[in-house]
Every structure is written in structure tokens, then in C-alpha cells.
Amino acid sequence: MSRISVRGLAVASATAVTTVGAVVGVASGAEQGSTTEPVEAAGTTTLLADIPDGQQVQQASLTEQIQAQSDAADATARQYAEQAARVQAAKDASAKKKAADKAEKLAKEKAEAAADQGDASASFPVKASYSVAAVQAMARTIVGSGQYACFSNIVSRESGWDYTATNASSGAYGLVQSNPGSKMASVASDWRTNPATQIRWGLNYMNSRYGSPCGAWEFWQGHSYY
């Protein structure tokens, strides 16, 4: 081989090495201070296929971790929301029960107060005759449980719960022995045959004169009349 041929081969080889080094420098980055000028790349967009396999795995793992943390945060938020809803529902149920219990208690107290005071306006079916039990039931309703015992003590002694009882000497008539019996017409005209009319009149009389049936009974015990 001639000297020229050898020199030409050396130059070609050096050129090839320089070209390869430039390409490698562009791909991996030339060292600082290198005098090799970079070769301009055809494009600047990095594709997923251009990223080394190891880096792709790391990026996928990081994405999965972020998604897992997001899912866990969502699950925790749902748990807190569900727990808060359960707590609120329990509070609402407790408040409703308390309100219902209070309403029931008030209704019971009202009913007891009404029963204690009686209902003078209560109505009863008209019958041809009335048993003692039926007449006493009327009195409990009209007079009220609070005063019934005192009222009953007087009626038991005055008429024995006979709404047609008549005192031949005085003319007193009925359950409470109104004297004369016609006084009871101030309540209703059926005073002779309707125990409810007699009870209402007797209750009005005891309340106006003695304050209550128990006041009338207290007086009766000391005088045997009222």
C-alpha cells in the first residue's frame, strides 16, 4: 500500500470516529469544555419508546402510587361522611323520640287534668231507665275524679243513687235531693227522669255554695245536710 493510501485511510477513519463521537455527544450530552460541536437533532420531542425501560417502570409505579393514594383518600372521605350521617341520624331519632315522649306526656297530663276536673258538658244517650252503675259513671264523667268521692258520699246518703228518690215531707227530689225538685229545671226540663241533669245541677250547687263537692261534703259531715 502506498503512503497516500495509508494517509487517506487514516483521515477517513478519523472522520468516522469524529462523526460517531458527535452523535454520541448529542445523545448523551457532551462533557463541559468539549470542543466537539453538537450535531443538530432532527426533532426535539421525546417519545415513550425513547425513554429507557427502567425509567418507564419507575414512572408507571409512581402513577399507580398516586392513584392508590387518591383512592384511599376518597375511601376515607366516604367513611367519614357515612359516620357523620349515622351520628346525625341517631341524633335526629333521639330528638324525635324526646319530642314524641314529651307530647305523649303532655297529652296524658291534659287527659288526667280533664278527668280530674270533669266535663259538665258531656252528653249521654237518653234511656227509659238507668242502673246505679250507669248513673255513677255519668257522675264520674261530669264531676271528675278529683271530686267524685266527695260527691258520691253526699249522694249515697241523700238518695242512695236513686234518681227518682222523693222526700214526702219536704218535697226534695232526685239524686242530690233538690228542694224543691223543680229548681233543677234551671239546667234542663227533663230533671225528673234524666240523672245527668240532676248531677249537673247538684255540682253547680255545691261549687257555688261550698266551693266544691269536697267542701260540701265537709259541711255535710258536721250538719248531716248541705
C-alpha atoms as a PDB file:
ATOM      1  CA  MET A   1       0.000   0.000   0.000  1.00  0.00           C
ATOM      2  CA  SER A   2       1.269   3.435  -0.857  1.00  0.00           C
ATOM      3  CA  ARG A   3       1.831   6.281   1.596  1.00  0.00           C
ATOM      4  CA  ILE A   4      -1.062   8.246   0.110  1.00  0.00           C
ATOM      5  CA  SER A   5      -3.460   5.371   0.501  1.00  0.00           C
ATOM      6  CA  VAL A   6      -2.491   4.884   4.121  1.00  0.00           C
ATOM      7  CA  ARG A   7      -2.880   8.550   4.887  1.00  0.00           C
ATOM      8  CA  GLY A   8      -6.290   8.633   3.156  1.00  0.00           C
ATOM      9  CA  LEU A   9      -7.473   5.693   5.244  1.00  0.00           C
ATOM     10  CA  ALA A  10      -6.342   7.399   8.428  1.00  0.00           C
ATOM     11  CA  VAL A  11      -8.198  10.566   7.543  1.00  0.00           C
ATOM     12  CA  ALA A  12     -11.364   8.630   6.698  1.00  0.00           C
ATOM     13  CA  SER A  13     -11.141   6.704   9.940  1.00  0.00           C
ATOM     14  CA  ALA A  14     -10.635   9.867  11.977  1.00  0.00           C
ATOM     15  CA  THR A  15     -13.621  11.482  10.287  1.00  0.00           C
ATOM     16  CA  ALA A  16     -15.787   8.491  11.054  1.00  0.00           C
ATOM     17  CA  VAL A  17     -14.743   8.475  14.688  1.00  0.00           C
ATOM     18  CA  THR A  18     -15.383  12.198  14.993  1.00  0.00           C
ATOM     19  CA  THR A  19     -18.841  11.807  13.461  1.00  0.00           C
ATOM     20  CA  VAL A  20     -19.764   8.955  15.788  1.00  0.00           C
ATOM     21  CA  GLY A  21     -18.477  10.929  18.788  1.00  0.00           C
ATOM     22  CA  ALA A  22     -20.599  13.899  17.815  1.00  0.00           C
ATOM     23  CA  VAL A  23     -23.698  11.720  17.558  1.00  0.00           C
ATOM     24  CA  VAL A  24     -22.978  10.131  20.914  1.00  0.00           C
ATOM     25  CA  GLY A  25     -22.370  13.567  22.399  1.00  0.00           C
ATOM     26  CA  VAL A  26     -25.770  14.736  21.228  1.00  0.00           C
ATOM     27  CA  ALA A  27     -27.492  11.637  22.627  1.00  0.00           C
ATOM     28  CA  SER A  28     -25.713  11.573  25.976  1.00  0.00           C
ATOM     29  CA  GLY A  29     -24.540  15.161  26.315  1.00  0.00           C
ATOM     30  CA  ALA A  30     -21.037  16.425  25.616  1.00  0.00           C
ATOM     31  CA  GLU A  31     -18.779  16.973  28.513  1.00  0.00           C
ATOM     32  CA  GLN A  32     -18.376  20.565  29.674  1.00  0.00           C
ATOM     33  CA  GLY A  33     -15.492  22.236  27.916  1.00  0.00           C
ATOM     34  CA  SER A  34     -15.524  19.801  24.993  1.00  0.00           C
ATOM     35  CA  THR A  35     -14.563  21.348  21.726  1.00  0.00           C
ATOM     36  CA  THR A  36     -16.747  18.981  19.744  1.00  0.00           C
ATOM     37  CA  GLU A  37     -19.628  20.924  18.238  1.00  0.00           C
ATOM     38  CA  PRO A  38     -23.075  19.274  18.630  1.00  0.00           C
ATOM     39  CA  VAL A  39     -24.875  17.921  15.658  1.00  0.00           C
ATOM     40  CA  GLU A  40     -28.407  19.340  15.332  1.00  0.00           C
ATOM     41  CA  ALA A  41     -31.068  16.699  16.050  1.00  0.00           C
ATOM     42  CA  ALA A  42     -33.832  16.072  13.564  1.00  0.00           C
ATOM     43  CA  GLY A  43     -36.577  16.607  16.256  1.00  0.00           C
ATOM     44  CA  THR A  44     -36.872  17.611  19.953  1.00  0.00           C
ATOM     45  CA  THR A  45     -39.962  15.542  21.037  1.00  0.00           C
ATOM     46  CA  THR A  46     -39.114  12.613  23.334  1.00  0.00           C
ATOM     47  CA  LEU A  47     -41.330   9.555  22.793  1.00  0.00           C
ATOM     48  CA  LEU A  48     -42.161   6.889  25.416  1.00  0.00           C
ATOM     49  CA  ALA A  49     -40.223   4.447  23.280  1.00  0.00           C
ATOM     50  CA  ASP A  50     -37.145   6.704  23.608  1.00  0.00           C
ATOM     51  CA  ILE A  51     -37.327   6.504  27.470  1.00  0.00           C
ATOM     52  CA  PRO A  52     -35.211   3.651  28.872  1.00  0.00           C
ATOM     53  CA  ASP A  53     -37.209   0.666  30.167  1.00  0.00           C
ATOM     54  CA  GLY A  54     -36.143   1.246  33.763  1.00  0.00           C
ATOM     55  CA  GLN A  55     -37.414   4.809  33.756  1.00  0.00           C
ATOM     56  CA  GLN A  56     -40.731   3.693  32.206  1.00  0.00           C
ATOM     57  CA  VAL A  57     -41.273   1.203  35.048  1.00  0.00           C
ATOM     58  CA  GLN A  58     -40.465   3.849  37.664  1.00  0.00           C
ATOM     59  CA  GLN A  59     -42.922   6.317  36.107  1.00  0.00           C
ATOM     60  CA  ALA A  60     -45.694   3.698  35.942  1.00  0.00           C
ATOM     61  CA  SER A  61     -45.058   2.749  39.570  1.00  0.00           C
ATOM     62  CA  LEU A  62     -45.288   6.405  40.653  1.00  0.00           C
ATOM     63  CA  THR A  63     -48.579   6.839  38.777  1.00  0.00           C
ATOM     64  CA  GLU A  64     -50.009   3.764  40.455  1.00  0.00           C
ATOM     65  CA  GLN A  65     -48.927   5.052  43.869  1.00  0.00           C
ATOM     66  CA  ILE A  66     -50.591   8.419  43.251  1.00  0.00           C
ATOM     67  CA  GLN A  67     -53.801   6.714  42.109  1.00  0.00           C
ATOM     68  CA  ALA A  68     -53.751   4.395  45.133  1.00  0.00           C
ATOM     69  CA  GLN A  69     -53.303   7.352  47.486  1.00  0.00           C
ATOM     70  CA  SER A  70     -56.178   9.180  45.764  1.00  0.00           C
ATOM     71  CA  ASP A  71     -58.422   6.117  46.057  1.00  0.00           C
ATOM     72  CA  ALA A  72     -57.513   5.735  49.743  1.00  0.00           C
ATOM     73  CA  ALA A  73     -58.290   9.412  50.375  1.00  0.00           C
ATOM     74  CA  ASP A  74     -61.670   9.038  48.656  1.00  0.00           C
ATOM     75  CA  ALA A  75     -62.460   5.925  50.694  1.00  0.00           C
ATOM     76  CA  THR A  76     -61.538   7.706  53.928  1.00  0.00           C
ATOM     77  CA  ALA A  77     -63.707  10.698  52.987  1.00  0.00           C
ATOM     78  CA  ARG A  78     -66.641   8.367  52.295  1.00  0.00           C
ATOM     79  CA  GLN A  79     -66.151   6.652  55.652  1.00  0.00           C
ATOM     80  CA  TYR A  80     -66.143   9.989  57.469  1.00  0.00           C
ATOM     81  CA  ALA A  81     -69.253  11.099  55.571  1.00  0.00           C
ATOM     82  CA  GLU A  82     -71.074   7.847  56.347  1.00  0.00           C
ATOM     83  CA  GLN A  83     -70.093   8.026  60.004  1.00  0.00           C
ATOM     84  CA  ALA A  84     -71.258  11.646  60.221  1.00  0.00           C
ATOM     85  CA  ALA A  85     -74.553  10.673  58.589  1.00  0.00           C
ATOM     86  CA  ARG A  86     -75.057   7.843  61.091  1.00  0.00           C
ATOM     87  CA  VAL A  87     -74.307  10.144  64.026  1.00  0.00           C
ATOM     88  CA  GLN A  88     -76.702  12.788  62.711  1.00  0.00           C
ATOM     89  CA  ALA A  89     -79.407  10.184  62.087  1.00  0.00           C
ATOM     90  CA  ALA A  90     -79.037   8.930  65.661  1.00  0.00           C
ATOM     91  CA  LYS A  91     -79.300  12.490  66.981  1.00  0.00           C
ATOM     92  CA  ASP A  92     -82.393  13.150  64.870  1.00  0.00           C
ATOM     93  CA  ALA A  93     -84.024   9.914  66.035  1.00  0.00           C
ATOM     94  CA  SER A  94     -83.260  10.758  69.656  1.00  0.00           C
ATOM     95  CA  ALA A  95     -84.692  14.264  69.251  1.00  0.00           C
ATOM     96  CA  LYS A  96     -87.843  12.906  67.606  1.00  0.00           C
ATOM     97  CA  LYS A  97     -88.297  10.346  70.389  1.00  0.00           C
ATOM     98  CA  LYS A  98     -87.868  13.027  73.045  1.00  0.00           C
ATOM     99  CA  ALA A  99     -90.400  15.233  71.277  1.00  0.00           C
ATOM    100  CA  ALA A 100     -92.840  12.333  70.952  1.00  0.00           C
ATOM    101  CA  ASP A 101     -92.395  11.380  74.606  1.00  0.00           C
ATOM    102  CA  LYS A 102     -92.939  14.988  75.653  1.00  0.00           C
ATOM    103  CA  ALA A 103     -96.083  15.273  73.520  1.00  0.00           C
ATOM    104  CA  GLU A 104     -97.392  11.997  74.923  1.00  0.00           C
ATOM    105  CA  LYS A 105     -96.677  13.141  78.467  1.00  0.00           C
ATOM    106  CA  LEU A 106     -98.435  16.466  77.909  1.00  0.00           C
ATOM    107  CA  ALA A 107    -101.418  14.710  76.344  1.00  0.00           C
ATOM    108  CA  LYS A 108    -101.595  12.312  79.279  1.00  0.00           C
ATOM    109  CA  GLU A 109    -101.364  15.147  81.788  1.00  0.00           C
ATOM    110  CA  LYS A 110    -104.037  17.041  79.900  1.00  0.00           C
ATOM    111  CA  ALA A 111    -106.293  13.987  79.870  1.00  0.00           C
ATOM    112  CA  GLU A 112    -105.687  13.420  83.567  1.00  0.00           C
ATOM    113  CA  ALA A 113    -106.411  17.065  84.311  1.00  0.00           C
ATOM    114  CA  ALA A 114    -109.598  16.881  82.274  1.00  0.00           C
ATOM    115  CA  ALA A 115    -110.633  13.694  84.058  1.00  0.00           C
ATOM    116  CA  ASP A 116    -109.810  15.279  87.401  1.00  0.00           C
ATOM    117  CA  GLN A 117    -111.863  18.388  86.634  1.00  0.00           C
ATOM    118  CA  GLY A 118    -114.683  16.579  84.889  1.00  0.00           C
ATOM    119  CA  ASP A 119    -116.738  17.536  81.870  1.00  0.00           C
ATOM    120  CA  ALA A 120    -120.033  19.184  82.735  1.00  0.00           C
ATOM    121  CA  SER A 121    -120.959  19.400  79.059  1.00  0.00           C
ATOM    122  CA  ALA A 122    -120.617  15.669  78.389  1.00  0.00           C
ATOM    123  CA  SER A 123    -123.611  14.138  76.641  1.00  0.00           C
ATOM    124  CA  PHE A 124    -125.236  10.773  77.306  1.00  0.00           C
ATOM    125  CA  PRO A 125    -127.873   8.783  75.443  1.00  0.00           C
ATOM    126  CA  VAL A 126    -131.353   9.203  76.831  1.00  0.00           C
ATOM    127  CA  LYS A 127    -132.858   5.981  78.223  1.00  0.00           C
ATOM    128  CA  ALA A 128    -136.146   4.959  79.765  1.00  0.00           C
ATOM    129  CA  SER A 129    -134.326   3.956  82.946  1.00  0.00           C
ATOM    130  CA  TYR A 130    -130.773   3.921  84.311  1.00  0.00           C
ATOM    131  CA  SER A 131    -128.929   1.474  86.561  1.00  0.00           C
ATOM    132  CA  VAL A 132    -126.978   2.680  89.581  1.00  0.00           C
ATOM    133  CA  ALA A 133    -123.718   1.808  87.796  1.00  0.00           C
ATOM    134  CA  ALA A 134    -124.741   3.863  84.757  1.00  0.00           C
ATOM    135  CA  VAL A 135    -125.661   6.847  86.942  1.00  0.00           C
ATOM    136  CA  GLN A 136    -122.357   6.628  88.825  1.00  0.00           C
ATOM    137  CA  ALA A 137    -120.461   6.500  85.519  1.00  0.00           C
ATOM    138  CA  MET A 138    -122.234   9.705  84.478  1.00  0.00           C
ATOM    139  CA  ALA A 139    -121.230  11.348  87.748  1.00  0.00           C
ATOM    140  CA  ARG A 140    -117.569  10.353  87.332  1.00  0.00           C
ATOM    141  CA  THR A 141    -117.526  11.961  83.905  1.00  0.00           C
ATOM    142  CA  ILE A 142    -119.365  15.147  84.851  1.00  0.00           C
ATOM    143  CA  VAL A 143    -117.872  15.732  88.306  1.00  0.00           C
ATOM    144  CA  GLY A 144    -114.357  14.457  87.630  1.00  0.00           C
ATOM    145  CA  SER A 145    -112.181  12.007  89.513  1.00  0.00           C
ATOM    146  CA  GLY A 146    -110.787  14.691  91.830  1.00  0.00           C
ATOM    147  CA  GLN A 147    -114.178  15.438  93.406  1.00  0.00           C
ATOM    148  CA  TYR A 148    -116.145  12.286  92.680  1.00  0.00           C
ATOM    149  CA  ALA A 149    -115.574  10.578  96.046  1.00  0.00           C
ATOM    150  CA  CYS A 150    -116.964  13.572  97.966  1.00  0.00           C
ATOM    151  CA  PHE A 151    -119.892  13.910  95.562  1.00  0.00           C
ATOM    152  CA  SER A 152    -120.617  10.183  95.899  1.00  0.00           C
ATOM    153  CA  ASN A 153    -120.569  10.370  99.709  1.00  0.00           C
ATOM    154  CA  ILE A 154    -123.312  13.020  99.660  1.00  0.00           C
ATOM    155  CA  VAL A 155    -125.469  11.325  97.006  1.00  0.00           C
ATOM    156  CA  SER A 156    -125.184   7.946  98.751  1.00  0.00           C
ATOM    157  CA  ARG A 157    -126.578   9.482 101.942  1.00  0.00           C
ATOM    158  CA  GLU A 158    -129.153  11.737 100.318  1.00  0.00           C
ATOM    159  CA  SER A 159    -130.727   9.329  97.816  1.00  0.00           C
ATOM    160  CA  GLY A 160    -128.788   6.069  97.667  1.00  0.00           C
ATOM    161  CA  TRP A 161    -128.172   6.861  93.959  1.00  0.00           C
ATOM    162  CA  ASP A 162    -131.872   6.695  93.185  1.00  0.00           C
ATOM    163  CA  TYR A 163    -132.587   9.446  90.669  1.00  0.00           C
ATOM    164  CA  THR A 164    -136.337   9.194  91.404  1.00  0.00           C
ATOM    165  CA  ALA A 165    -135.991   9.379  95.205  1.00  0.00           C
ATOM    166  CA  THR A 166    -138.629  11.670  96.748  1.00  0.00           C
ATOM    167  CA  ASN A 167    -138.826  13.084 100.274  1.00  0.00           C
ATOM    168  CA  ALA A 168    -142.512  13.029 101.072  1.00  0.00           C
ATOM    169  CA  SER A 169    -142.248  15.555 103.872  1.00  0.00           C
ATOM    170  CA  SER A 170    -140.011  18.163 102.275  1.00  0.00           C
ATOM    171  CA  GLY A 171    -140.582  17.590  98.555  1.00  0.00           C
ATOM    172  CA  ALA A 172    -136.858  17.165  97.913  1.00  0.00           C
ATOM    173  CA  TYR A 173    -136.282  15.123  94.798  1.00  0.00           C
ATOM    174  CA  GLY A 174    -133.629  13.173  92.911  1.00  0.00           C
ATOM    175  CA  LEU A 175    -130.025  12.173  93.441  1.00  0.00           C
ATOM    176  CA  VAL A 176    -128.962  15.329  95.288  1.00  0.00           C
ATOM    177  CA  GLN A 177    -132.404  15.905  96.903  1.00  0.00           C
ATOM    178  CA  SER A 178    -133.027  19.308  95.388  1.00  0.00           C
ATOM    179  CA  ASN A 179    -135.721  21.098  97.456  1.00  0.00           C
ATOM    180  CA  PRO A 180    -137.939  21.613  95.639  1.00  0.00           C
ATOM    181  CA  GLY A 181    -137.027  19.394  92.746  1.00  0.00           C
ATOM    182  CA  SER A 182    -138.204  21.997  90.257  1.00  0.00           C
ATOM    183  CA  LYS A 183    -135.039  24.019  90.927  1.00  0.00           C
ATOM    184  CA  MET A 184    -133.231  21.597  88.642  1.00  0.00           C
ATOM    185  CA  ALA A 185    -135.278  22.903  85.714  1.00  0.00           C
ATOM    186  CA  SER A 186    -132.651  25.671  85.510  1.00  0.00           C
ATOM    187  CA  VAL A 187    -130.395  23.050  83.877  1.00  0.00           C
ATOM    188  CA  ALA A 188    -132.955  21.181  81.749  1.00  0.00           C
ATOM    189  CA  SER A 189    -136.632  20.405  81.696  1.00  0.00           C
ATOM    190  CA  ASP A 190    -136.052  16.638  81.942  1.00  0.00           C
ATOM    191  CA  TRP A 191    -134.850  16.896  85.566  1.00  0.00           C
ATOM    192  CA  ARG A 192    -137.354  14.276  86.752  1.00  0.00           C
ATOM    193  CA  THR A 193    -136.075  11.463  84.516  1.00  0.00           C
ATOM    194  CA  ASN A 194    -132.514  12.363  83.490  1.00  0.00           C
ATOM    195  CA  PRO A 195    -129.781  11.633  86.055  1.00  0.00           C
ATOM    196  CA  ALA A 196    -127.261  13.741  84.075  1.00  0.00           C
ATOM    197  CA  THR A 197    -129.435  16.838  84.564  1.00  0.00           C
ATOM    198  CA  GLN A 198    -129.620  16.177  88.297  1.00  0.00           C
ATOM    199  CA  ILE A 199    -125.865  15.629  88.570  1.00  0.00           C
ATOM    200  CA  ARG A 200    -125.104  18.884  86.728  1.00  0.00           C
ATOM    201  CA  TRP A 201    -127.464  20.839  88.954  1.00  0.00           C
ATOM    202  CA  GLY A 202    -126.031  19.269  92.108  1.00  0.00           C
ATOM    203  CA  LEU A 203    -122.462  20.004  91.025  1.00  0.00           C
ATOM    204  CA  ASN A 204    -123.317  23.651  90.275  1.00  0.00           C
ATOM    205  CA  TYR A 205    -124.984  23.995  93.663  1.00  0.00           C
ATOM    206  CA  MET A 206    -122.038  22.501  95.587  1.00  0.00           C
ATOM    207  CA  ASN A 207    -119.492  24.627  93.691  1.00  0.00           C
ATOM    208  CA  SER A 208    -121.415  27.884  94.166  1.00  0.00           C
ATOM    209  CA  ARG A 209    -122.205  27.368  97.853  1.00  0.00           C
ATOM    210  CA  TYR A 210    -119.229  25.388  99.175  1.00  0.00           C
ATOM    211  CA  GLY A 211    -116.581  25.821  96.518  1.00  0.00           C
ATOM    212  CA  SER A 212    -116.559  22.157  95.542  1.00  0.00           C
ATOM    213  CA  PRO A 213    -118.212  18.800  96.265  1.00  0.00           C
ATOM    214  CA  CYS A 214    -115.485  18.142  98.856  1.00  0.00           C
ATOM    215  CA  GLY A 215    -116.332  21.466 100.541  1.00  0.00           C
ATOM    216  CA  ALA A 216    -119.994  20.415 100.577  1.00  0.00           C
ATOM    217  CA  TRP A 217    -119.082  17.001 101.992  1.00  0.00           C
ATOM    218  CA  GLU A 218    -117.032  18.610 104.759  1.00  0.00           C
ATOM    219  CA  PHE A 219    -120.051  20.700 105.721  1.00  0.00           C
ATOM    220  CA  TRP A 220    -122.378  17.694 105.479  1.00  0.00           C
ATOM    221  CA  GLN A 221    -120.274  15.685 107.948  1.00  0.00           C
ATOM    222  CA  GLY A 222    -120.825  18.347 110.608  1.00  0.00           C
ATOM    223  CA  HIS A 223    -124.524  19.026 109.890  1.00  0.00           C
ATOM    224  CA  SER A 224    -125.946  15.963 108.127  1.00  0.00           C
ATOM    225  CA  TYR A 225    -127.212  18.204 105.315  1.00  0.00           C
ATOM    226  CA  TYR A 226    -125.711  20.615 102.859  1.00  0.00           C
END
